[in-house]
Amino acid sequence: MEKTVLKLVKVQDLELKNKSVLMRADYNVPLKDGVISDDTRIVASLKTVKYLLSQNCKVVIMAHLGRPKGTPDPKYSLKPVAARLQELTGAKVFFAPAAIGPEAEKVVESARNGEIVLLENIRFYKEETGNDPEFAKKLAKYGDFFVQEGFGVVHRAHASTDAITRYLPGAIGFLVQKELEYLDRAMPMLPTGTLFWTPRPDLKIGTTAWIYAGGAHHTAMSYDLSADQMIDWADAMGIESVVIDANTNLRDFQRDLKLGEVFYH
């Protein structure tokens, strides 16, 4: 059977030289009083961002932070992320105080090739979670191509992940490629009924993302669960094994599992 990642267009397959690229990233980082305590998700996107810059692209990034419920909320602003992204890339990063409208358009137009624009929190707009095609069409004006690099949101039917693909040719970035390659390798070795659990940055809650059942993987749900809740839920559902990100501090929970094996990646 052909591997999942081989069926998808990859960012390195596109002719991107001097193009504008609209990229979806997952920058849902822990933030308090404007200070980022863990920039892992930003760092994870750097390979793709730097590749696009090496192609002299103008890179316009869409991302979300927290759950602002479709309305602007200063505590969920991505402005601190823009500053950190500039530190990490060494490139000029412009922060757009909106995602659509005259303010955002002015910032995007002012940026040059080889520079980055980070749009304000995409979830400040109810149209994002509503998968609104008109909203996606406005976002699509910023790019010649779309690159999906937000693996943590690919299962969501939102405007910046789903509807946007109707208006721009797209590809997956290096992070999404890596995760899909892992799944392709892991799936044949995992027992039927395997839960994939992705902890959030504060390591106190996580999102159940995938269940492997009947020889295929599919989106199961997106519920926030503590580690204990995850264990109880998986046990009650007869889940046989759990896959947990190896970068987390959750190995102690293995002794409490009555589920069989725990895998780390």
Protein backbone atom coordinates (compact mmCIF):
# COMPACT_ATOMS: atom_id res chain seq x y z
CA MET A 1 0.00 0.00 0.00
CA GLU A 2 1.33 3.43 -0.95
CA LYS A 3 2.42 5.50 2.03
CA THR A 4 0.20 8.45 2.97
CA VAL A 5 2.97 11.03 2.67
CA LEU A 6 3.81 9.86 -0.87
CA LYS A 7 0.28 10.66 -2.02
CA LEU A 8 0.52 14.32 -1.01
CA VAL A 9 2.23 17.25 -2.68
CA LYS A 10 5.20 18.34 -0.59
CA VAL A 11 6.54 21.87 -0.24
CA GLN A 12 9.78 20.89 -1.97
CA ASP A 13 7.77 19.73 -5.00
CA LEU A 14 6.52 23.25 -5.75
CA GLU A 15 8.20 25.91 -7.88
CA LEU A 16 8.25 28.60 -5.21
CA LYS A 17 11.09 30.90 -6.24
CA ASN A 18 10.06 34.54 -5.60
CA LYS A 19 6.46 33.55 -4.83
CA SER A 20 4.16 34.57 -2.00
CA VAL A 21 3.27 31.63 0.25
CA LEU A 22 0.40 31.48 2.72
CA MET A 23 1.31 29.03 5.47
CA ARG A 24 -0.83 27.58 8.26
CA ALA A 25 1.21 27.01 11.42
CA ASP A 26 0.40 25.79 14.92
CA TYR A 27 1.66 28.54 17.24
CA ASN A 28 -0.65 27.71 20.14
CA VAL A 29 2.14 28.25 22.66
CA PRO A 30 1.85 28.78 26.42
CA LEU A 31 1.73 32.53 26.98
CA LYS A 32 1.40 34.54 30.18
CA ASP A 33 1.68 38.33 30.46
CA GLY A 34 3.08 38.40 26.95
CA VAL A 35 5.88 35.95 27.75
CA ILE A 36 6.22 32.64 25.88
CA SER A 37 7.32 29.89 28.27
CA ASP A 38 7.74 27.17 25.65
CA ASP A 39 8.50 27.92 21.99
CA THR A 40 8.60 24.29 20.85
CA ARG A 41 5.80 24.73 18.34
CA ILE A 42 7.45 27.77 16.80
CA VAL A 43 10.77 25.96 16.53
CA ALA A 44 9.01 22.97 14.91
CA SER A 45 7.94 25.16 11.98
CA LEU A 46 11.38 26.63 11.31
CA LYS A 47 12.55 24.09 8.76
CA THR A 48 9.67 24.98 6.47
CA VAL A 49 9.86 28.71 7.16
CA LYS A 50 13.60 28.80 6.43
CA TYR A 51 13.12 26.72 3.29
CA LEU A 52 10.55 29.23 2.01
CA LEU A 53 12.89 32.10 2.81
CA SER A 54 15.69 30.32 0.94
CA GLN A 55 13.38 30.38 -2.09
CA ASN A 56 13.05 34.16 -1.65
CA CYS A 57 9.37 33.81 -0.84
CA LYS A 58 7.22 36.29 0.97
CA VAL A 59 5.87 34.13 3.80
CA VAL A 60 2.46 35.01 5.24
CA ILE A 61 1.63 32.89 8.28
CA MET A 62 -1.79 32.10 9.72
CA ALA A 63 -1.97 30.68 13.24
CA HIS A 64 -4.10 30.61 16.37
CA LEU A 65 -3.49 30.86 20.09
CA GLY A 66 -5.94 29.84 22.81
CA ARG A 67 -9.70 29.85 22.40
CA PRO A 68 -10.86 33.41 21.85
CA LYS A 69 -14.31 32.26 20.66
CA GLY A 70 -14.46 34.23 17.44
CA THR A 71 -13.77 37.68 18.86
CA PRO A 72 -10.56 39.66 19.53
CA ASP A 73 -9.01 39.16 22.95
CA PRO A 74 -5.67 40.88 23.71
CA LYS A 75 -4.45 38.04 25.93
CA TYR A 76 -4.51 35.74 22.90
CA SER A 77 -2.66 38.09 20.56
CA LEU A 78 0.11 36.56 18.46
CA LYS A 79 2.28 39.68 18.68
CA PRO A 80 4.77 38.02 21.13
CA VAL A 81 5.03 35.10 18.70
CA ALA A 82 6.03 37.48 15.90
CA ALA A 83 8.88 38.81 18.04
CA ARG A 84 10.08 35.30 18.88
CA LEU A 85 9.83 34.20 15.26
CA GLN A 86 12.08 37.08 14.22
CA GLU A 87 14.64 36.06 16.85
CA LEU A 88 14.62 32.46 15.65
CA THR A 89 14.74 33.11 11.91
CA GLY A 90 16.86 36.24 11.75
CA ALA A 91 14.45 37.47 9.08
CA LYS A 92 12.29 40.57 9.22
CA VAL A 93 8.89 39.64 10.68
CA PHE A 94 5.97 42.01 10.32
CA PHE A 95 3.00 41.60 12.63
CA ALA A 96 -0.40 42.32 11.12
CA PRO A 97 -2.89 43.47 13.79
CA ALA A 98 -5.69 41.73 11.90
CA ALA A 99 -6.03 38.70 9.65
CA ILE A 100 -8.20 40.30 6.97
CA GLY A 101 -9.21 43.81 6.03
CA PRO A 102 -7.31 47.00 5.11
CA GLU A 103 -4.88 46.84 8.07
CA ALA A 104 -3.77 43.30 7.29
CA GLU A 105 -3.61 43.94 3.55
CA LYS A 106 -1.39 46.99 4.06
CA VAL A 107 1.11 45.00 6.14
CA VAL A 108 1.20 42.10 3.67
CA GLU A 109 1.71 44.47 0.74
CA SER A 110 4.55 46.27 2.54
CA ALA A 111 6.53 43.07 3.13
CA ARG A 112 9.11 42.05 0.55
CA ASN A 113 10.27 38.69 -0.68
CA GLY A 114 12.51 37.08 1.93
CA GLU A 115 10.39 38.55 4.74
CA ILE A 116 7.62 37.18 6.94
CA VAL A 117 4.18 38.43 7.92
CA LEU A 118 2.41 36.89 10.90
CA LEU A 119 -1.31 37.59 10.83
CA GLU A 120 -3.18 38.20 14.05
CA ASN A 121 -4.90 35.23 15.68
CA ILE A 122 -7.04 33.58 13.03
CA ARG A 123 -9.57 32.51 15.65
CA PHE A 124 -10.45 36.12 16.41
CA TYR A 125 -12.90 35.53 13.56
CA LYS A 126 -15.91 33.24 13.92
CA GLU A 127 -15.65 32.57 10.20
CA GLU A 128 -12.47 30.58 10.86
CA THR A 129 -14.09 27.80 12.90
CA GLY A 130 -17.18 28.08 10.68
CA ASN A 131 -15.03 27.08 7.69
CA ASP A 132 -16.42 30.08 5.85
CA PRO A 133 -15.45 30.04 2.15
CA GLU A 134 -15.64 33.83 1.76
CA PHE A 135 -13.26 34.26 4.70
CA ALA A 136 -10.90 31.73 3.15
CA LYS A 137 -11.08 33.54 -0.17
CA LYS A 138 -9.92 36.77 1.50
CA LEU A 139 -6.99 34.94 3.11
CA ALA A 140 -6.09 33.33 -0.20
CA LYS A 141 -5.33 36.76 -1.70
CA TYR A 142 -2.10 36.79 0.33
CA GLY A 143 -0.45 33.91 -1.46
CA ASP A 144 0.28 32.15 -4.71
CA PHE A 145 0.49 28.84 -2.84
CA PHE A 146 -0.75 27.40 0.45
CA VAL A 147 1.49 25.30 2.72
CA GLN A 148 0.03 23.28 5.58
CA GLU A 149 2.48 23.10 8.48
CA GLY A 150 0.03 22.99 11.40
CA PHE A 151 -0.09 19.27 12.12
CA GLY A 152 -2.01 19.92 15.34
CA VAL A 153 -4.91 21.40 13.37
CA VAL A 154 -5.01 19.34 10.18
CA HIS A 155 -7.97 17.34 11.49
CA ARG A 156 -10.11 20.47 11.81
CA ALA A 157 -12.49 21.63 9.07
CA HIS A 158 -11.67 25.31 9.52
CA ALA A 159 -11.25 28.06 6.94
CA SER A 160 -7.45 28.14 7.29
CA THR A 161 -7.10 24.37 6.97
CA ASP A 162 -9.94 23.23 4.73
CA ALA A 163 -11.74 25.99 2.81
CA ILE A 164 -8.45 27.67 1.90
CA THR A 165 -7.47 24.65 -0.20
CA ARG A 166 -10.29 25.45 -2.64
CA TYR A 167 -8.60 28.70 -3.65
CA LEU A 168 -4.86 28.00 -3.68
CA PRO A 169 -2.68 25.12 -4.88
CA GLY A 170 -1.13 23.61 -1.80
CA ALA A 171 1.41 21.31 -0.24
CA ILE A 172 2.46 19.98 3.15
CA GLY A 173 5.46 21.34 5.02
CA PHE A 174 8.35 19.40 6.53
CA LEU A 175 6.76 19.02 9.97
CA VAL A 176 3.57 17.50 8.56
CA GLN A 177 5.67 15.25 6.35
CA LYS A 178 7.63 14.01 9.36
CA GLU A 179 4.49 13.26 11.36
CA LEU A 180 2.82 11.42 8.48
CA GLU A 181 5.96 9.40 7.85
CA TYR A 182 5.92 8.40 11.50
CA LEU A 183 2.30 7.31 11.26
CA ASP A 184 3.01 5.32 8.11
CA ARG A 185 5.83 3.48 9.88
CA ALA A 186 3.94 3.01 13.12
CA MET A 187 0.53 1.89 11.87
CA PRO A 188 1.49 -1.64 10.75
CA MET A 189 3.15 -2.28 14.13
CA LEU A 190 0.39 -0.96 16.38
CA PRO A 191 -2.45 -3.06 17.78
CA THR A 192 -5.97 -2.33 16.64
CA GLY A 193 -7.45 0.19 19.03
CA THR A 194 -4.51 2.54 19.56
CA LEU A 195 -5.11 6.00 20.95
CA PHE A 196 -2.89 8.90 19.87
CA TRP A 197 -2.76 11.49 22.61
CA THR A 198 -1.09 14.85 22.06
CA PRO A 199 -0.35 16.80 25.23
CA ARG A 200 -0.68 20.56 25.19
CA PRO A 201 2.37 22.68 26.05
CA ASP A 202 1.60 22.95 29.77
CA LEU A 203 1.57 19.10 29.93
CA LYS A 204 -1.56 19.13 32.06
CA ILE A 205 -4.13 18.44 29.37
CA GLY A 206 -4.04 16.91 25.94
CA THR A 207 -6.15 16.38 22.88
CA THR A 208 -7.11 12.91 21.72
CA ALA A 209 -6.40 13.11 18.02
CA TRP A 210 -6.49 9.72 16.33
CA ILE A 211 -7.72 6.21 16.90
CA TYR A 212 -6.24 3.35 14.91
CA ALA A 213 -8.89 0.75 14.33
CA GLY A 214 -9.62 -1.88 11.77
CA GLY A 215 -6.40 -1.33 9.86
CA ALA A 216 -6.89 2.39 9.26
CA HIS A 217 -6.44 5.61 11.14
CA HIS A 218 -9.06 8.30 11.27
CA THR A 219 -9.94 11.41 13.23
CA ALA A 220 -11.83 10.34 16.31
CA MET A 221 -12.39 13.44 18.40
CA SER A 222 -10.82 16.56 19.74
CA TYR A 223 -11.53 16.63 23.45
CA ASP A 224 -9.28 18.17 26.09
CA LEU A 225 -8.36 15.48 28.61
CA SER A 226 -5.99 15.36 31.52
CA ALA A 227 -3.62 12.41 31.57
CA ASP A 228 -5.74 10.67 34.20
CA GLN A 229 -8.93 11.31 32.22
CA MET A 230 -7.25 10.00 29.08
CA ILE A 231 -6.27 6.80 30.87
CA ASP A 232 -9.77 6.29 32.30
CA TRP A 233 -11.42 7.00 28.96
CA ALA A 234 -9.08 4.70 27.02
CA ASP A 235 -9.54 1.91 29.56
CA ALA A 236 -13.32 2.21 29.39
CA MET A 237 -13.23 2.15 25.59
CA GLY A 238 -11.04 -0.95 25.50
CA ILE A 239 -8.11 0.85 23.92
CA GLU A 240 -5.14 -1.51 23.80
CA SER A 241 -2.26 0.94 23.54
CA VAL A 242 -1.45 4.63 23.71
CA VAL A 243 0.97 6.72 21.66
CA ILE A 244 2.35 9.76 23.48
CA ASP A 245 4.78 12.40 22.26
CA ALA A 246 8.21 11.52 23.61
CA ASN A 247 9.03 15.16 24.30
CA THR A 248 6.55 15.25 27.17
CA ASN A 249 6.96 14.45 30.84
CA LEU A 250 4.30 11.74 30.95
CA ARG A 251 6.24 8.50 31.22
CA ASP A 252 5.23 8.12 34.86
CA PHE A 253 1.67 7.52 33.72
CA GLN A 254 2.71 4.28 32.06
CA ARG A 255 2.67 2.48 35.41
CA ASP A 256 -1.02 3.41 35.82
CA LEU A 257 -2.08 2.12 32.43
CA LYS A 258 -3.95 -1.14 32.15
CA LEU A 259 -3.90 -0.91 28.40
CA GLY A 260 -0.88 -2.83 27.24
CA GLU A 261 1.97 -1.01 25.53
CA VAL A 262 2.74 2.70 25.51
CA PHE A 263 4.65 4.02 22.53
CA TYR A 264 6.61 7.25 22.32
CA HIS A 265 7.60 9.21 19.24
